[in-house]
Amino acid sequence: MPLRATGFSVSGPSARAPIAIAALSLGAGAIGALAIGRLTVRHATIKRLVIDELEVRSLKVAELDVAREGPPVV
């Protein structure tokens, strides 16, 4: 496969090397993007779980306060 991007005609294994390097670079970039995406999703999930846990705890505290003090008198 001739490679004429630089003005030289190259064929054989040396012509495929730049293509292989470019493919590896693109592959590494895609894997990196997937890893970052997974970390972002994982972080958002953990953050949501923490918020849910805090909401549950605050509801439990509010229920304990009502149980201790009794219902509000109107």
PDB file of N, CA and C in Angstrom:
ATOM      1  N   MET A   1       0.851  -1.166   0.000  1.00  0.00           N
ATOM      2  CA  MET A   1       0.000   0.000   0.000  1.00  0.00           C
ATOM      3  C   MET A   1       0.903   1.237   0.000  1.00  0.00           C
ATOM      4  N   PRO A   2       0.927   1.988  -1.067  1.00  0.00           N
ATOM      5  CA  PRO A   2       1.796   3.167  -1.131  1.00  0.00           C
ATOM      6  C   PRO A   2       1.293   4.274  -0.199  1.00  0.00           C
ATOM      7  N   LEU A   3       2.227   4.969   0.420  1.00  0.00           N
ATOM      8  CA  LEU A   3       1.907   6.080   1.298  1.00  0.00           C
ATOM      9  C   LEU A   3       2.577   7.318   0.731  1.00  0.00           C
ATOM     10  N   ARG A   4       1.807   8.262   0.238  1.00  0.00           N
ATOM     11  CA  ARG A   4       2.381   9.420  -0.431  1.00  0.00           C
ATOM     12  C   ARG A   4       2.071  10.729   0.301  1.00  0.00           C
ATOM     13  N   ALA A   5       1.707  10.680   1.549  1.00  0.00           N
ATOM     14  CA  ALA A   5       1.375  11.895   2.288  1.00  0.00           C
ATOM     15  C   ALA A   5       2.590  12.808   2.442  1.00  0.00           C
ATOM     16  N   THR A   6       3.765  12.229   2.539  1.00  0.00           N
ATOM     17  CA  THR A   6       4.977  13.025   2.734  1.00  0.00           C
ATOM     18  C   THR A   6       5.705  13.285   1.428  1.00  0.00           C
ATOM     19  N   GLY A   7       5.193  12.782   0.332  1.00  0.00           N
ATOM     20  CA  GLY A   7       5.844  12.966  -0.954  1.00  0.00           C
ATOM     21  C   GLY A   7       6.726  11.799  -1.338  1.00  0.00           C
ATOM     22  N   PHE A   8       6.929  10.863  -0.417  1.00  0.00           N
ATOM     23  CA  PHE A   8       7.726   9.681  -0.701  1.00  0.00           C
ATOM     24  C   PHE A   8       6.793   8.514  -0.949  1.00  0.00           C
ATOM     25  N   SER A   9       7.223   7.595  -1.775  1.00  0.00           N
ATOM     26  CA  SER A   9       6.442   6.397  -2.015  1.00  0.00           C
ATOM     27  C   SER A   9       7.009   5.289  -1.130  1.00  0.00           C
ATOM     28  N   VAL A  10       6.193   4.865  -0.183  1.00  0.00           N
ATOM     29  CA  VAL A  10       6.625   3.830   0.748  1.00  0.00           C
ATOM     30  C   VAL A  10       5.629   2.694   0.665  1.00  0.00           C
ATOM     31  N   SER A  11       6.134   1.479   0.647  1.00  0.00           N
ATOM     32  CA  SER A  11       5.229   0.338   0.650  1.00  0.00           C
ATOM     33  C   SER A  11       5.781  -0.710   1.602  1.00  0.00           C
ATOM     34  N   GLY A  12       4.928  -1.631   1.965  1.00  0.00           N
ATOM     35  CA  GLY A  12       5.359  -2.692   2.867  1.00  0.00           C
ATOM     36  C   GLY A  12       5.029  -2.363   4.306  1.00  0.00           C
ATOM     37  N   PRO A  13       5.731  -3.028   5.250  1.00  0.00           N
ATOM     38  CA  PRO A  13       5.429  -2.846   6.683  1.00  0.00           C
ATOM     39  C   PRO A  13       5.584  -1.407   7.157  1.00  0.00           C
ATOM     40  N   SER A  14       6.559  -0.678   6.609  1.00  0.00           N
ATOM     41  CA  SER A  14       6.774   0.696   7.070  1.00  0.00           C
ATOM     42  C   SER A  14       5.616   1.608   6.671  1.00  0.00           C
ATOM     43  N   ALA A  15       4.849   1.238   5.655  1.00  0.00           N
ATOM     44  CA  ALA A  15       3.685   2.032   5.264  1.00  0.00           C
ATOM     45  C   ALA A  15       2.528   1.788   6.227  1.00  0.00           C
ATOM     46  N   ARG A  16       2.476   0.601   6.809  1.00  0.00           N
ATOM     47  CA  ARG A  16       1.378   0.272   7.725  1.00  0.00           C
ATOM     48  C   ARG A  16       1.619   0.774   9.145  1.00  0.00           C
ATOM     49  N   ALA A  17       2.860   1.070   9.495  1.00  0.00           N
ATOM     50  CA  ALA A  17       3.182   1.488  10.858  1.00  0.00           C
ATOM     51  C   ALA A  17       2.435   2.762  11.283  1.00  0.00           C
ATOM     52  N   PRO A  18       2.412   3.834  10.460  1.00  0.00           N
ATOM     53  CA  PRO A  18       1.678   5.032  10.890  1.00  0.00           C
ATOM     54  C   PRO A  18       0.182   4.758  11.062  1.00  0.00           C
ATOM     55  N   ILE A  19      -0.358   3.896  10.230  1.00  0.00           N
ATOM     56  CA  ILE A  19      -1.776   3.550  10.335  1.00  0.00           C
ATOM     57  C   ILE A  19      -2.028   2.782  11.626  1.00  0.00           C
ATOM     58  N   ALA A  20      -1.128   1.856  11.960  1.00  0.00           N
ATOM     59  CA  ALA A  20      -1.273   1.078  13.198  1.00  0.00           C
ATOM     60  C   ALA A  20      -1.150   1.989  14.417  1.00  0.00           C
ATOM     61  N   ILE A  21      -0.201   2.929  14.372  1.00  0.00           N
ATOM     62  CA  ILE A  21      -0.025   3.858  15.495  1.00  0.00           C
ATOM     63  C   ILE A  21      -1.267   4.727  15.657  1.00  0.00           C
ATOM     64  N   ALA A  22      -1.809   5.207  14.551  1.00  0.00           N
ATOM     65  CA  ALA A  22      -3.023   6.030  14.616  1.00  0.00           C
ATOM     66  C   ALA A  22      -4.186   5.226  15.171  1.00  0.00           C
ATOM     67  N   ALA A  23      -4.322   3.978  14.755  1.00  0.00           N
ATOM     68  CA  ALA A  23      -5.406   3.120  15.246  1.00  0.00           C
ATOM     69  C   ALA A  23      -5.257   2.865  16.745  1.00  0.00           C
ATOM     70  N   LEU A  24      -4.029   2.617  17.187  1.00  0.00           N
ATOM     71  CA  LEU A  24      -3.792   2.407  18.622  1.00  0.00           C
ATOM     72  C   LEU A  24      -4.108   3.671  19.416  1.00  0.00           C
ATOM     73  N   SER A  25      -3.741   4.828  18.889  1.00  0.00           N
ATOM     74  CA  SER A  25      -4.021   6.089  19.577  1.00  0.00           C
ATOM     75  C   SER A  25      -5.525   6.313  19.699  1.00  0.00           C
ATOM     76  N   LEU A  26      -6.233   6.071  18.613  1.00  0.00           N
ATOM     77  CA  LEU A  26      -7.693   6.231  18.646  1.00  0.00           C
ATOM     78  C   LEU A  26      -8.323   5.240  19.622  1.00  0.00           C
ATOM     79  N   GLY A  27      -7.817   4.008  19.622  1.00  0.00           N
ATOM     80  CA  GLY A  27      -8.335   2.987  20.531  1.00  0.00           C
ATOM     81  C   GLY A  27      -8.099   3.368  21.984  1.00  0.00           C
ATOM     82  N   ALA A  28      -6.907   3.865  22.271  1.00  0.00           N
ATOM     83  CA  ALA A  28      -6.587   4.270  23.648  1.00  0.00           C
ATOM     84  C   ALA A  28      -7.462   5.440  24.064  1.00  0.00           C
ATOM     85  N   GLY A  29      -7.698   6.366  23.140  1.00  0.00           N
ATOM     86  CA  GLY A  29      -8.566   7.509  23.448  1.00  0.00           C
ATOM     87  C   GLY A  29      -9.987   7.066  23.732  1.00  0.00           C
ATOM     88  N   ALA A  30     -10.470   6.122  22.946  1.00  0.00           N
ATOM     89  CA  ALA A  30     -11.837   5.619  23.157  1.00  0.00           C
ATOM     90  C   ALA A  30     -11.948   4.880  24.486  1.00  0.00           C
ATOM     91  N   ILE A  31     -10.940   4.090  24.812  1.00  0.00           N
ATOM     92  CA  ILE A  31     -10.948   3.364  26.093  1.00  0.00           C
ATOM     93  C   ILE A  31     -10.893   4.364  27.247  1.00  0.00           C
ATOM     94  N   GLY A  32     -10.065   5.391  27.101  1.00  0.00           N
ATOM     95  CA  GLY A  32      -9.977   6.424  28.130  1.00  0.00           C
ATOM     96  C   GLY A  32     -11.303   7.141  28.319  1.00  0.00           C
ATOM     97  N   ALA A  33     -11.981   7.452  27.211  1.00  0.00           N
ATOM     98  CA  ALA A  33     -13.273   8.128  27.295  1.00  0.00           C
ATOM     99  C   ALA A  33     -14.305   7.236  27.975  1.00  0.00           C
ATOM    100  N   LEU A  34     -14.291   5.948  27.669  1.00  0.00           N
ATOM    101  CA  LEU A  34     -15.216   5.023  28.327  1.00  0.00           C
ATOM    102  C   LEU A  34     -14.939   4.943  29.821  1.00  0.00           C
ATOM    103  N   ALA A  35     -13.660   4.894  30.183  1.00  0.00           N
ATOM    104  CA  ALA A  35     -13.302   4.820  31.601  1.00  0.00           C
ATOM    105  C   ALA A  35     -13.751   6.069  32.336  1.00  0.00           C
ATOM    106  N   ILE A  36     -13.545   7.234  31.728  1.00  0.00           N
ATOM    107  CA  ILE A  36     -13.974   8.488  32.355  1.00  0.00           C
ATOM    108  C   ILE A  36     -15.495   8.519  32.464  1.00  0.00           C
ATOM    109  N   GLY A  37     -16.184   8.058  31.416  1.00  0.00           N
ATOM    110  CA  GLY A  37     -17.642   7.996  31.459  1.00  0.00           C
ATOM    111  C   GLY A  37     -18.135   7.094  32.570  1.00  0.00           C
ATOM    112  N   ARG A  38     -17.485   5.958  32.736  1.00  0.00           N
ATOM    113  CA  ARG A  38     -17.889   5.031  33.803  1.00  0.00           C
ATOM    114  C   ARG A  38     -17.641   5.624  35.175  1.00  0.00           C
ATOM    115  N   LEU A  39     -16.514   6.314  35.330  1.00  0.00           N
ATOM    116  CA  LEU A  39     -16.222   6.949  36.614  1.00  0.00           C
ATOM    117  C   LEU A  39     -17.248   8.032  36.921  1.00  0.00           C
ATOM    118  N   THR A  40     -17.635   8.775  35.892  1.00  0.00           N
ATOM    119  CA  THR A  40     -18.631   9.832  36.087  1.00  0.00           C
ATOM    120  C   THR A  40     -19.959   9.237  36.508  1.00  0.00           C
ATOM    121  N   VAL A  41     -20.370   8.176  35.847  1.00  0.00           N
ATOM    122  CA  VAL A  41     -21.633   7.515  36.199  1.00  0.00           C
ATOM    123  C   VAL A  41     -21.537   6.937  37.604  1.00  0.00           C
ATOM    124  N   ARG A  42     -20.412   6.309  37.926  1.00  0.00           N
ATOM    125  CA  ARG A  42     -20.231   5.729  39.249  1.00  0.00           C
ATOM    126  C   ARG A  42     -20.267   6.815  40.312  1.00  0.00           C
ATOM    127  N   HIS A  43     -19.614   7.946  40.048  1.00  0.00           N
ATOM    128  CA  HIS A  43     -19.601   9.057  41.002  1.00  0.00           C
ATOM    129  C   HIS A  43     -21.019   9.595  41.213  1.00  0.00           C
ATOM    130  N   ALA A  44     -21.762   9.747  40.114  1.00  0.00           N
ATOM    131  CA  ALA A  44     -23.135  10.243  40.223  1.00  0.00           C
ATOM    132  C   ALA A  44     -24.004   9.262  41.003  1.00  0.00           C
ATOM    133  N   THR A  45     -23.798   7.981  40.788  1.00  0.00           N
ATOM    134  CA  THR A  45     -24.571   6.961  41.507  1.00  0.00           C
ATOM    135  C   THR A  45     -24.262   6.999  42.992  1.00  0.00           C
ATOM    136  N   ILE A  46     -22.987   7.083  43.328  1.00  0.00           N
ATOM    137  CA  ILE A  46     -22.594   7.143  44.739  1.00  0.00           C
ATOM    138  C   ILE A  46     -23.140   8.413  45.377  1.00  0.00           C
ATOM    139  N   LYS A  47     -23.051   9.522  44.651  1.00  0.00           N
ATOM    140  CA  LYS A  47     -23.560  10.791  45.165  1.00  0.00           C
ATOM    141  C   LYS A  47     -25.057  10.689  45.438  1.00  0.00           C
ATOM    142  N   ARG A  48     -25.790  10.070  44.519  1.00  0.00           N
ATOM    143  CA  ARG A  48     -27.234   9.904  44.701  1.00  0.00           C
ATOM    144  C   ARG A  48     -27.533   9.006  45.903  1.00  0.00           C
ATOM    145  N   LEU A  49     -26.758   7.949  46.066  1.00  0.00           N
ATOM    146  CA  LEU A  49     -26.951   7.051  47.206  1.00  0.00           C
ATOM    147  C   LEU A  49     -26.699   7.783  48.520  1.00  0.00           C
ATOM    148  N   VAL A  50     -25.673   8.621  48.546  1.00  0.00           N
ATOM    149  CA  VAL A  50     -25.373   9.383  49.761  1.00  0.00           C
ATOM    150  C   VAL A  50     -26.505  10.350  50.063  1.00  0.00           C
ATOM    151  N   ILE A  51     -26.992  11.032  49.035  1.00  0.00           N
ATOM    152  CA  ILE A  51     -28.111  11.966  49.239  1.00  0.00           C
ATOM    153  C   ILE A  51     -29.346  11.212  49.718  1.00  0.00           C
ATOM    154  N   ASP A  52     -29.624  10.067  49.118  1.00  0.00           N
ATOM    155  CA  ASP A  52     -30.768   9.257  49.549  1.00  0.00           C
ATOM    156  C   ASP A  52     -30.615   8.843  51.012  1.00  0.00           C
ATOM    157  N   GLU A  53     -29.416   8.429  51.397  1.00  0.00           N
ATOM    158  CA  GLU A  53     -29.169   8.014  52.780  1.00  0.00           C
ATOM    159  C   GLU A  53     -29.380   9.186  53.733  1.00  0.00           C
ATOM    160  N   LEU A  54     -28.906  10.359  53.362  1.00  0.00           N
ATOM    161  CA  LEU A  54     -29.102  11.544  54.211  1.00  0.00           C
ATOM    162  C   LEU A  54     -30.577  11.891  54.332  1.00  0.00           C
ATOM    163  N   GLU A  55     -31.325  11.775  53.231  1.00  0.00           N
ATOM    164  CA  GLU A  55     -32.759  12.047  53.282  1.00  0.00           C
ATOM    165  C   GLU A  55     -33.470  11.052  54.196  1.00  0.00           C
ATOM    166  N   VAL A  56     -33.108   9.793  54.106  1.00  0.00           N
ATOM    167  CA  VAL A  56     -33.715   8.763  54.953  1.00  0.00           C
ATOM    168  C   VAL A  56     -33.398   9.045  56.417  1.00  0.00           C
ATOM    169  N   ARG A  57     -32.141   9.402  56.691  1.00  0.00           N
ATOM    170  CA  ARG A  57     -31.760   9.700  58.078  1.00  0.00           C
ATOM    171  C   ARG A  57     -32.529  10.901  58.616  1.00  0.00           C
ATOM    172  N   SER A  58     -32.682  11.944  57.801  1.00  0.00           N
ATOM    173  CA  SER A  58     -33.406  13.127  58.277  1.00  0.00           C
ATOM    174  C   SER A  58     -34.875  12.808  58.502  1.00  0.00           C
ATOM    175  N   LEU A  59     -35.461  11.950  57.674  1.00  0.00           N
ATOM    176  CA  LEU A  59     -36.858  11.536  57.889  1.00  0.00           C
ATOM    177  C   LEU A  59     -36.986  10.730  59.178  1.00  0.00           C
ATOM    178  N   LYS A  60     -36.017   9.863  59.436  1.00  0.00           N
ATOM    179  CA  LYS A  60     -36.051   9.066  60.669  1.00  0.00           C
ATOM    180  C   LYS A  60     -35.945   9.969  61.902  1.00  0.00           C
ATOM    181  N   VAL A  61     -35.076  10.965  61.832  1.00  0.00           N
ATOM    182  CA  VAL A  61     -34.921  11.902  62.944  1.00  0.00           C
ATOM    183  C   VAL A  61     -36.220  12.667  63.153  1.00  0.00           C
ATOM    184  N   ALA A  62     -36.841  13.101  62.052  1.00  0.00           N
ATOM    185  CA  ALA A  62     -38.109  13.829  62.167  1.00  0.00           C
ATOM    186  C   ALA A  62     -39.180  12.927  62.767  1.00  0.00           C
ATOM    187  N   GLU A  63     -39.234  11.676  62.374  1.00  0.00           N
ATOM    188  CA  GLU A  63     -40.211  10.740  62.939  1.00  0.00           C
ATOM    189  C   GLU A  63     -39.955  10.521  64.425  1.00  0.00           C
ATOM    190  N   LEU A  64     -38.695  10.431  64.817  1.00  0.00           N
ATOM    191  CA  LEU A  64     -38.364  10.253  66.236  1.00  0.00           C
ATOM    192  C   LEU A  64     -38.776  11.482  67.049  1.00  0.00           C
ATOM    193  N   ASP A  65     -38.572  12.668  66.468  1.00  0.00           N
ATOM    194  CA  ASP A  65     -38.984  13.893  67.171  1.00  0.00           C
ATOM    195  C   ASP A  65     -40.487  13.917  67.376  1.00  0.00           C
ATOM    196  N   VAL A  66     -41.255  13.529  66.359  1.00  0.00           N
ATOM    197  CA  VAL A  66     -42.714  13.508  66.468  1.00  0.00           C
ATOM    198  C   VAL A  66     -43.136  12.458  67.481  1.00  0.00           C
ATOM    199  N   ALA A  67     -42.488  11.312  67.464  1.00  0.00           N
ATOM    200  CA  ALA A  67     -42.844  10.245  68.408  1.00  0.00           C
ATOM    201  C   ALA A  67     -42.523  10.667  69.837  1.00  0.00           C
ATOM    202  N   ARG A  68     -41.445  11.395  70.017  1.00  0.00           N
ATOM    203  CA  ARG A  68     -41.041  11.819  71.350  1.00  0.00           C
ATOM    204  C   ARG A  68     -41.959  12.923  71.877  1.00  0.00           C
ATOM    205  N   GLU A  69     -42.276  13.880  71.016  1.00  0.00           N
ATOM    206  CA  GLU A  69     -43.053  15.042  71.447  1.00  0.00           C
ATOM    207  C   GLU A  69     -44.550  14.844  71.284  1.00  0.00           C
ATOM    208  N   GLY A  70     -44.935  13.861  70.487  1.00  0.00           N
ATOM    209  CA  GLY A  70     -46.349  13.669  70.206  1.00  0.00           C
ATOM    210  C   GLY A  70     -46.761  14.507  69.016  1.00  0.00           C
ATOM    211  N   PRO A  71     -47.976  14.300  68.530  1.00  0.00           N
ATOM    212  CA  PRO A  71     -48.429  15.059  67.370  1.00  0.00           C
ATOM    213  C   PRO A  71     -48.615  16.533  67.731  1.00  0.00           C
ATOM    214  N   PRO A  72     -48.519  17.403  66.726  1.00  0.00           N
ATOM    215  CA  PRO A  72     -48.704  18.833  67.006  1.00  0.00           C
ATOM    216  C   PRO A  72     -50.135  19.119  67.492  1.00  0.00           C
ATOM    217  N   VAL A  73     -50.247  19.959  68.490  1.00  0.00           N
ATOM    218  CA  VAL A  73     -51.556  20.331  69.050  1.00  0.00           C
ATOM    219  C   VAL A  73     -52.017  21.593  68.354  1.00  0.00           C
ATOM    220  N   VAL A  74     -53.250  21.539  67.845  1.00  0.00           N
ATOM    221  CA  VAL A  74     -53.791  22.697  67.127  1.00  0.00           C
ATOM    222  C   VAL A  74     -54.815  23.397  67.981  1.00  0.00           C
TER     223      VAL A  74
END
